Amino acid sequence: MDKSTEKEEILIAKDTPLSILSEHYPLVAEFLTDEYGFHCISCFLSEFETIEDGAATHGIFGDEFEEMMAEINQLAKEEKEGK
């Protein structure tokens, strides 16, 4: 398949609750905690707060947010594939 027609798989969307990460993508949760300070992932409010909410709390917007989303989706894909 031509790269220009390949669609990047999105496993984690900006409206994904943070609690889902701990449950389904622990490596992504660890990455966000270590690299971006998302200690809120283990908080009881993580069921109600989305990745976008957490990013805004940590001052992550625009291009930085998009870059973070690309990184965590790549990690999620690798985690799903068992790499």
PDB file of N, CA and C in Angstrom:
ATOM      1  N   MET A   1       0.847  -1.183   0.000  1.00  0.00           N
ATOM      2  CA  MET A   1       0.000   0.000   0.000  1.00  0.00           C
ATOM      3  C   MET A   1       0.887   1.240   0.000  1.00  0.00           C
ATOM      4  N   ASP A   2       0.550   2.225  -0.794  1.00  0.00           N
ATOM      5  CA  ASP A   2       1.262   3.483  -0.894  1.00  0.00           C
ATOM      6  C   ASP A   2       1.141   4.233   0.437  1.00  0.00           C
ATOM      7  N   LYS A   3       2.263   4.790   0.919  1.00  0.00           N
ATOM      8  CA  LYS A   3       2.265   5.520   2.195  1.00  0.00           C
ATOM      9  C   LYS A   3       1.283   6.686   2.179  1.00  0.00           C
ATOM     10  N   SER A   4       1.101   7.317   1.042  1.00  0.00           N
ATOM     11  CA  SER A   4       0.214   8.469   0.978  1.00  0.00           C
ATOM     12  C   SER A   4      -1.248   8.075   1.176  1.00  0.00           C
ATOM     13  N   THR A   5      -1.584   6.812   0.914  1.00  0.00           N
ATOM     14  CA  THR A   5      -2.965   6.376   1.103  1.00  0.00           C
ATOM     15  C   THR A   5      -3.142   5.602   2.405  1.00  0.00           C
ATOM     16  N   GLU A   6      -2.021   5.294   3.090  1.00  0.00           N
ATOM     17  CA  GLU A   6      -2.091   4.598   4.371  1.00  0.00           C
ATOM     18  C   GLU A   6      -2.675   5.529   5.409  1.00  0.00           C
ATOM     19  N   LYS A   7      -3.583   5.017   6.197  1.00  0.00           N
ATOM     20  CA  LYS A   7      -4.168   5.818   7.249  1.00  0.00           C
ATOM     21  C   LYS A   7      -3.565   5.380   8.578  1.00  0.00           C
ATOM     22  N   GLU A   8      -3.105   6.355   9.356  1.00  0.00           N
ATOM     23  CA  GLU A   8      -2.515   6.056  10.649  1.00  0.00           C
ATOM     24  C   GLU A   8      -3.618   5.583  11.600  1.00  0.00           C
ATOM     25  N   GLU A   9      -3.352   4.455  12.265  1.00  0.00           N
ATOM     26  CA  GLU A   9      -4.335   3.899  13.190  1.00  0.00           C
ATOM     27  C   GLU A   9      -4.346   4.720  14.476  1.00  0.00           C
ATOM     28  N   ILE A  10      -5.532   5.175  14.848  1.00  0.00           N
ATOM     29  CA  ILE A  10      -5.699   5.938  16.079  1.00  0.00           C
ATOM     30  C   ILE A  10      -6.332   5.021  17.109  1.00  0.00           C
ATOM     31  N   LEU A  11      -5.580   4.675  18.119  1.00  0.00           N
ATOM     32  CA  LEU A  11      -6.088   3.837  19.195  1.00  0.00           C
ATOM     33  C   LEU A  11      -6.550   4.683  20.374  1.00  0.00           C
ATOM     34  N   ILE A  12      -5.899   5.821  20.538  1.00  0.00           N
ATOM     35  CA  ILE A  12      -6.194   6.713  21.649  1.00  0.00           C
ATOM     36  C   ILE A  12      -6.559   8.076  21.076  1.00  0.00           C
ATOM     37  N   ALA A  13      -7.770   8.534  21.367  1.00  0.00           N
ATOM     38  CA  ALA A  13      -8.236   9.831  20.883  1.00  0.00           C
ATOM     39  C   ALA A  13      -8.117  10.869  21.995  1.00  0.00           C
ATOM     40  N   LYS A  14      -8.220  12.135  21.622  1.00  0.00           N
ATOM     41  CA  LYS A  14      -8.072  13.197  22.614  1.00  0.00           C
ATOM     42  C   LYS A  14      -9.165  13.155  23.678  1.00  0.00           C
ATOM     43  N   ASP A  15     -10.305  12.525  23.366  1.00  0.00           N
ATOM     44  CA  ASP A  15     -11.387  12.439  24.345  1.00  0.00           C
ATOM     45  C   ASP A  15     -11.404  11.106  25.106  1.00  0.00           C
ATOM     46  N   THR A  16     -10.328  10.328  24.982  1.00  0.00           N
ATOM     47  CA  THR A  16     -10.202   9.075  25.725  1.00  0.00           C
ATOM     48  C   THR A  16      -9.997   9.396  27.205  1.00  0.00           C
ATOM     49  N   PRO A  17     -10.796   8.790  28.088  1.00  0.00           N
ATOM     50  CA  PRO A  17     -10.580   9.017  29.521  1.00  0.00           C
ATOM     51  C   PRO A  17      -9.210   8.485  29.953  1.00  0.00           C
ATOM     52  N   LEU A  18      -8.569   9.217  30.840  1.00  0.00           N
ATOM     53  CA  LEU A  18      -7.250   8.813  31.322  1.00  0.00           C
ATOM     54  C   LEU A  18      -7.275   7.435  31.970  1.00  0.00           C
ATOM     55  N   SER A  19      -8.380   7.066  32.602  1.00  0.00           N
ATOM     56  CA  SER A  19      -8.470   5.768  33.279  1.00  0.00           C
ATOM     57  C   SER A  19      -8.324   4.602  32.304  1.00  0.00           C
ATOM     58  N   ILE A  20      -8.716   4.805  31.052  1.00  0.00           N
ATOM     59  CA  ILE A  20      -8.597   3.761  30.028  1.00  0.00           C
ATOM     60  C   ILE A  20      -7.131   3.409  29.796  1.00  0.00           C
ATOM     61  N   LEU A  21      -6.264   4.402  29.888  1.00  0.00           N
ATOM     62  CA  LEU A  21      -4.841   4.157  29.645  1.00  0.00           C
ATOM     63  C   LEU A  21      -4.265   3.181  30.661  1.00  0.00           C
ATOM     64  N   SER A  22      -4.562   3.395  31.922  1.00  0.00           N
ATOM     65  CA  SER A  22      -4.051   2.493  32.961  1.00  0.00           C
ATOM     66  C   SER A  22      -4.551   1.075  32.748  1.00  0.00           C
ATOM     67  N   GLU A  23      -5.791   0.970  32.333  1.00  0.00           N
ATOM     68  CA  GLU A  23      -6.418  -0.337  32.118  1.00  0.00           C
ATOM     69  C   GLU A  23      -5.889  -1.064  30.890  1.00  0.00           C
ATOM     70  N   HIS A  24      -5.852  -0.354  29.763  1.00  0.00           N
ATOM     71  CA  HIS A  24      -5.570  -0.992  28.477  1.00  0.00           C
ATOM     72  C   HIS A  24      -4.168  -0.736  27.916  1.00  0.00           C
ATOM     73  N   TYR A  25      -3.553   0.361  28.318  1.00  0.00           N
ATOM     74  CA  TYR A  25      -2.250   0.724  27.777  1.00  0.00           C
ATOM     75  C   TYR A  25      -1.318   1.194  28.902  1.00  0.00           C
ATOM     76  N   PRO A  26      -0.904   0.292  29.784  1.00  0.00           N
ATOM     77  CA  PRO A  26      -0.064   0.704  30.917  1.00  0.00           C
ATOM     78  C   PRO A  26       1.262   1.341  30.514  1.00  0.00           C
ATOM     79  N   LEU A  27       1.835   0.932  29.384  1.00  0.00           N
ATOM     80  CA  LEU A  27       3.092   1.555  28.946  1.00  0.00           C
ATOM     81  C   LEU A  27       2.873   3.005  28.521  1.00  0.00           C
ATOM     82  N   VAL A  28       1.728   3.277  27.927  1.00  0.00           N
ATOM     83  CA  VAL A  28       1.388   4.650  27.548  1.00  0.00           C
ATOM     84  C   VAL A  28       1.177   5.486  28.809  1.00  0.00           C
ATOM     85  N   ALA A  29       0.472   4.926  29.787  1.00  0.00           N
ATOM     86  CA  ALA A  29       0.244   5.633  31.053  1.00  0.00           C
ATOM     87  C   ALA A  29       1.574   5.965  31.721  1.00  0.00           C
ATOM     88  N   GLU A  30       2.485   5.007  31.724  1.00  0.00           N
ATOM     89  CA  GLU A  30       3.810   5.221  32.318  1.00  0.00           C
ATOM     90  C   GLU A  30       4.575   6.307  31.557  1.00  0.00           C
ATOM     91  N   PHE A  31       4.512   6.274  30.226  1.00  0.00           N
ATOM     92  CA  PHE A  31       5.176   7.275  29.390  1.00  0.00           C
ATOM     93  C   PHE A  31       4.647   8.673  29.697  1.00  0.00           C
ATOM     94  N   LEU A  32       3.316   8.814  29.761  1.00  0.00           N
ATOM     95  CA  LEU A  32       2.734  10.124  30.034  1.00  0.00           C
ATOM     96  C   LEU A  32       3.109  10.630  31.421  1.00  0.00           C
ATOM     97  N   THR A  33       3.196   9.732  32.372  1.00  0.00           N
ATOM     98  CA  THR A  33       3.594  10.121  33.723  1.00  0.00           C
ATOM     99  C   THR A  33       5.053  10.559  33.739  1.00  0.00           C
ATOM    100  N   ASP A  34       5.929   9.770  33.133  1.00  0.00           N
ATOM    101  CA  ASP A  34       7.357  10.065  33.134  1.00  0.00           C
ATOM    102  C   ASP A  34       7.726  11.276  32.285  1.00  0.00           C
ATOM    103  N   GLU A  35       7.185  11.352  31.080  1.00  0.00           N
ATOM    104  CA  GLU A  35       7.589  12.390  30.124  1.00  0.00           C
ATOM    105  C   GLU A  35       6.809  13.699  30.247  1.00  0.00           C
ATOM    106  N   TYR A  36       5.548  13.614  30.671  1.00  0.00           N
ATOM    107  CA  TYR A  36       4.700  14.801  30.693  1.00  0.00           C
ATOM    108  C   TYR A  36       4.134  15.130  32.071  1.00  0.00           C
ATOM    109  N   GLY A  37       4.472  14.354  33.088  1.00  0.00           N
ATOM    110  CA  GLY A  37       4.017  14.636  34.443  1.00  0.00           C
ATOM    111  C   GLY A  37       2.556  14.335  34.708  1.00  0.00           C
ATOM    112  N   PHE A  38       1.974  13.419  33.951  1.00  0.00           N
ATOM    113  CA  PHE A  38       0.562  13.067  34.109  1.00  0.00           C
ATOM    114  C   PHE A  38       0.354  12.145  35.323  1.00  0.00           C
ATOM    115  N   HIS A  39       0.618  12.656  36.499  1.00  0.00           N
ATOM    116  CA  HIS A  39       0.405  11.857  37.706  1.00  0.00           C
ATOM    117  C   HIS A  39      -1.082  11.681  37.979  1.00  0.00           C
ATOM    118  N   CYS A  40      -1.903  12.456  37.294  1.00  0.00           N
ATOM    119  CA  CYS A  40      -3.359  12.390  37.451  1.00  0.00           C
ATOM    120  C   CYS A  40      -3.940  11.078  36.919  1.00  0.00           C
ATOM    121  N   ILE A  41      -3.162  10.303  36.194  1.00  0.00           N
ATOM    122  CA  ILE A  41      -3.653   9.038  35.640  1.00  0.00           C
ATOM    123  C   ILE A  41      -4.085   8.090  36.749  1.00  0.00           C
ATOM    124  N   SER A  42      -3.421   8.155  37.882  1.00  0.00           N
ATOM    125  CA  SER A  42      -3.769   7.250  38.983  1.00  0.00           C
ATOM    126  C   SER A  42      -4.798   7.856  39.943  1.00  0.00           C
ATOM    127  N   CYS A  43      -5.258   9.040  39.667  1.00  0.00           N
ATOM    128  CA  CYS A  43      -6.246   9.724  40.506  1.00  0.00           C
ATOM    129  C   CYS A  43      -7.647   9.192  40.211  1.00  0.00           C
ATOM    130  N   PHE A  44      -8.517   9.229  41.208  1.00  0.00           N
ATOM    131  CA  PHE A  44      -9.887   8.753  40.998  1.00  0.00           C
ATOM    132  C   PHE A  44     -10.641   9.599  39.975  1.00  0.00           C
ATOM    133  N   LEU A  45     -10.213  10.818  39.746  1.00  0.00           N
ATOM    134  CA  LEU A  45     -10.870  11.672  38.750  1.00  0.00           C
ATOM    135  C   LEU A  45     -10.518  11.294  37.312  1.00  0.00           C
ATOM    136  N   SER A  46      -9.557  10.385  37.154  1.00  0.00           N
ATOM    137  CA  SER A  46      -9.124  10.001  35.806  1.00  0.00           C
ATOM    138  C   SER A  46     -10.255   9.344  35.005  1.00  0.00           C
ATOM    139  N   GLU A  47     -11.281   8.857  35.684  1.00  0.00           N
ATOM    140  CA  GLU A  47     -12.438   8.295  34.975  1.00  0.00           C
ATOM    141  C   GLU A  47     -13.203   9.373  34.217  1.00  0.00           C
ATOM    142  N   PHE A  48     -13.093  10.609  34.692  1.00  0.00           N
ATOM    143  CA  PHE A  48     -13.870  11.711  34.129  1.00  0.00           C
ATOM    144  C   PHE A  48     -13.034  12.678  33.312  1.00  0.00           C
ATOM    145  N   GLU A  49     -11.711  12.609  33.461  1.00  0.00           N
ATOM    146  CA  GLU A  49     -10.827  13.525  32.757  1.00  0.00           C
ATOM    147  C   GLU A  49     -10.262  12.855  31.508  1.00  0.00           C
ATOM    148  N   THR A  50     -10.276  13.584  30.410  1.00  0.00           N
ATOM    149  CA  THR A  50      -9.760  13.054  29.149  1.00  0.00           C
ATOM    150  C   THR A  50      -8.273  13.394  28.990  1.00  0.00           C
ATOM    151  N   ILE A  51      -7.673  12.816  27.989  1.00  0.00           N
ATOM    152  CA  ILE A  51      -6.273  13.131  27.683  1.00  0.00           C
ATOM    153  C   ILE A  51      -6.139  14.620  27.370  1.00  0.00           C
ATOM    154  N   GLU A  52      -7.089  15.149  26.636  1.00  0.00           N
ATOM    155  CA  GLU A  52      -7.050  16.574  26.303  1.00  0.00           C
ATOM    156  C   GLU A  52      -7.156  17.429  27.566  1.00  0.00           C
ATOM    157  N   ASP A  53      -8.018  17.032  28.512  1.00  0.00           N
ATOM    158  CA  ASP A  53      -8.143  17.759  29.781  1.00  0.00           C
ATOM    159  C   ASP A  53      -6.817  17.734  30.542  1.00  0.00           C
ATOM    160  N   GLY A  54      -6.224  16.541  30.622  1.00  0.00           N
ATOM    161  CA  GLY A  54      -4.953  16.397  31.329  1.00  0.00           C
ATOM    162  C   GLY A  54      -3.860  17.218  30.687  1.00  0.00           C
ATOM    163  N   ALA A  55      -3.825  17.223  29.363  1.00  0.00           N
ATOM    164  CA  ALA A  55      -2.820  18.002  28.641  1.00  0.00           C
ATOM    165  C   ALA A  55      -2.993  19.491  28.921  1.00  0.00           C
ATOM    166  N   ALA A  56      -4.230  19.963  28.899  1.00  0.00           N
ATOM    167  CA  ALA A  56      -4.491  21.381  29.169  1.00  0.00           C
ATOM    168  C   ALA A  56      -4.035  21.755  30.580  1.00  0.00           C
ATOM    169  N   THR A  57      -4.281  20.866  31.532  1.00  0.00           N
ATOM    170  CA  THR A  57      -3.854  21.101  32.911  1.00  0.00           C
ATOM    171  C   THR A  57      -2.338  21.257  32.994  1.00  0.00           C
ATOM    172  N   HIS A  58      -1.627  20.544  32.134  1.00  0.00           N
ATOM    173  CA  HIS A  58      -0.168  20.581  32.133  1.00  0.00           C
ATOM    174  C   HIS A  58       0.401  21.554  31.104  1.00  0.00           C
ATOM    175  N   GLY A  59      -0.471  22.388  30.515  1.00  0.00           N
ATOM    176  CA  GLY A  59      -0.016  23.418  29.578  1.00  0.00           C
ATOM    177  C   GLY A  59       0.423  22.880  28.236  1.00  0.00           C
ATOM    178  N   ILE A  60      -0.131  21.742  27.833  1.00  0.00           N
ATOM    179  CA  ILE A  60       0.233  21.123  26.552  1.00  0.00           C
ATOM    180  C   ILE A  60      -0.883  21.403  25.542  1.00  0.00           C
ATOM    181  N   PHE A  61      -0.569  22.226  24.548  1.00  0.00           N
ATOM    182  CA  PHE A  61      -1.547  22.634  23.536  1.00  0.00           C
ATOM    183  C   PHE A  61      -0.920  22.586  22.142  1.00  0.00           C
ATOM    184  N   GLY A  62      -1.740  22.748  21.135  1.00  0.00           N
ATOM    185  CA  GLY A  62      -1.271  22.917  19.766  1.00  0.00           C
ATOM    186  C   GLY A  62      -0.375  21.819  19.256  1.00  0.00           C
ATOM    187  N   ASP A  63       0.739  22.223  18.665  1.00  0.00           N
ATOM    188  CA  ASP A  63       1.674  21.269  18.062  1.00  0.00           C
ATOM    189  C   ASP A  63       2.236  20.293  19.088  1.00  0.00           C
ATOM    190  N   GLU A  64       2.501  20.787  20.301  1.00  0.00           N
ATOM    191  CA  GLU A  64       3.032  19.904  21.339  1.00  0.00           C
ATOM    192  C   GLU A  64       2.020  18.813  21.686  1.00  0.00           C
ATOM    193  N   PHE A  65       0.739  19.183  21.734  1.00  0.00           N
ATOM    194  CA  PHE A  65      -0.318  18.204  22.007  1.00  0.00           C
ATOM    195  C   PHE A  65      -0.402  17.188  20.875  1.00  0.00           C
ATOM    196  N   GLU A  66      -0.361  17.652  19.642  1.00  0.00           N
ATOM    197  CA  GLU A  66      -0.434  16.748  18.490  1.00  0.00           C
ATOM    198  C   GLU A  66       0.754  15.789  18.464  1.00  0.00           C
ATOM    199  N   GLU A  67       1.926  16.298  18.808  1.00  0.00           N
ATOM    200  CA  GLU A  67       3.125  15.451  18.866  1.00  0.00           C
ATOM    201  C   GLU A  67       2.977  14.389  19.961  1.00  0.00           C
ATOM    202  N   MET A  68       2.465  14.807  21.124  1.00  0.00           N
ATOM    203  CA  MET A  68       2.245  13.867  22.218  1.00  0.00           C
ATOM    204  C   MET A  68       1.249  12.783  21.801  1.00  0.00           C
ATOM    205  N   MET A  69       0.175  13.174  21.127  1.00  0.00           N
ATOM    206  CA  MET A  69      -0.832  12.206  20.682  1.00  0.00           C
ATOM    207  C   MET A  69      -0.230  11.209  19.692  1.00  0.00           C
ATOM    208  N   ALA A  70       0.610  11.690  18.793  1.00  0.00           N
ATOM    209  CA  ALA A  70       1.267  10.790  17.830  1.00  0.00           C
ATOM    210  C   ALA A  70       2.170   9.807  18.564  1.00  0.00           C
ATOM    211  N   GLU A  71       2.908  10.301  19.553  1.00  0.00           N
ATOM    212  CA  GLU A  71       3.801   9.430  20.333  1.00  0.00           C
ATOM    213  C   GLU A  71       3.022   8.357  21.086  1.00  0.00           C
ATOM    214  N   ILE A  72       1.932   8.759  21.747  1.00  0.00           N
ATOM    215  CA  ILE A  72       1.215   7.764  22.548  1.00  0.00           C
ATOM    216  C   ILE A  72       0.460   6.772  21.668  1.00  0.00           C
ATOM    217  N   ASN A  73       0.025   7.207  20.495  1.00  0.00           N
ATOM    218  CA  ASN A  73      -0.624   6.255  19.591  1.00  0.00           C
ATOM    219  C   ASN A  73       0.373   5.256  19.027  1.00  0.00           C
ATOM    220  N   GLN A  74       1.596   5.699  18.777  1.00  0.00           N
ATOM    221  CA  GLN A  74       2.642   4.766  18.324  1.00  0.00           C
ATOM    222  C   GLN A  74       2.949   3.761  19.432  1.00  0.00           C
ATOM    223  N   LEU A  75       3.079   4.241  20.664  1.00  0.00           N
ATOM    224  CA  LEU A  75       3.324   3.344  21.799  1.00  0.00           C
ATOM    225  C   LEU A  75       2.160   2.366  21.992  1.00  0.00           C
ATOM    226  N   ALA A  76       0.940   2.864  21.864  1.00  0.00           N
ATOM    227  CA  ALA A  76      -0.241   2.006  22.025  1.00  0.00           C
ATOM    228  C   ALA A  76      -0.275   0.929  20.955  1.00  0.00           C
ATOM    229  N   LYS A  77       0.079   1.310  19.725  1.00  0.00           N
ATOM    230  CA  LYS A  77       0.113   0.342  18.636  1.00  0.00           C
ATOM    231  C   LYS A  77       1.146  -0.743  18.923  1.00  0.00           C
ATOM    232  N   GLU A  78       2.325  -0.335  19.372  1.00  0.00           N
ATOM    233  CA  GLU A  78       3.388  -1.298  19.694  1.00  0.00           C
ATOM    234  C   GLU A  78       2.972  -2.181  20.867  1.00  0.00           C
ATOM    235  N   GLU A  79       2.323  -1.587  21.860  1.00  0.00           N
ATOM    236  CA  GLU A  79       1.873  -2.358  23.024  1.00  0.00           C
ATOM    237  C   GLU A  79       0.805  -3.374  22.615  1.00  0.00           C
ATOM    238  N   LYS A  80      -0.087  -2.947  21.736  1.00  0.00           N
ATOM    239  CA  LYS A  80      -1.160  -3.835  21.251  1.00  0.00           C
ATOM    240  C   LYS A  80      -0.579  -5.003  20.453  1.00  0.00           C
ATOM    241  N   GLU A  81       0.467  -4.721  19.683  1.00  0.00           N
ATOM    242  CA  GLU A  81       1.100  -5.747  18.859  1.00  0.00           C
ATOM    243  C   GLU A  81       2.085  -6.600  19.663  1.00  0.00           C
ATOM    244  N   GLY A  82       2.309  -6.233  20.912  1.00  0.00           N
ATOM    245  CA  GLY A  82       3.191  -7.004  21.778  1.00  0.00           C
ATOM    246  C   GLY A  82       4.655  -6.770  21.572  1.00  0.00           C
ATOM    247  N   LYS A  83       5.017  -5.599  21.081  1.00  0.00           N
ATOM    248  CA  LYS A  83       6.438  -5.295  20.844  1.00  0.00           C
ATOM    249  C   LYS A  83       7.106  -4.873  22.122  1.00  0.00           C
TER     250      LYS A  83
END
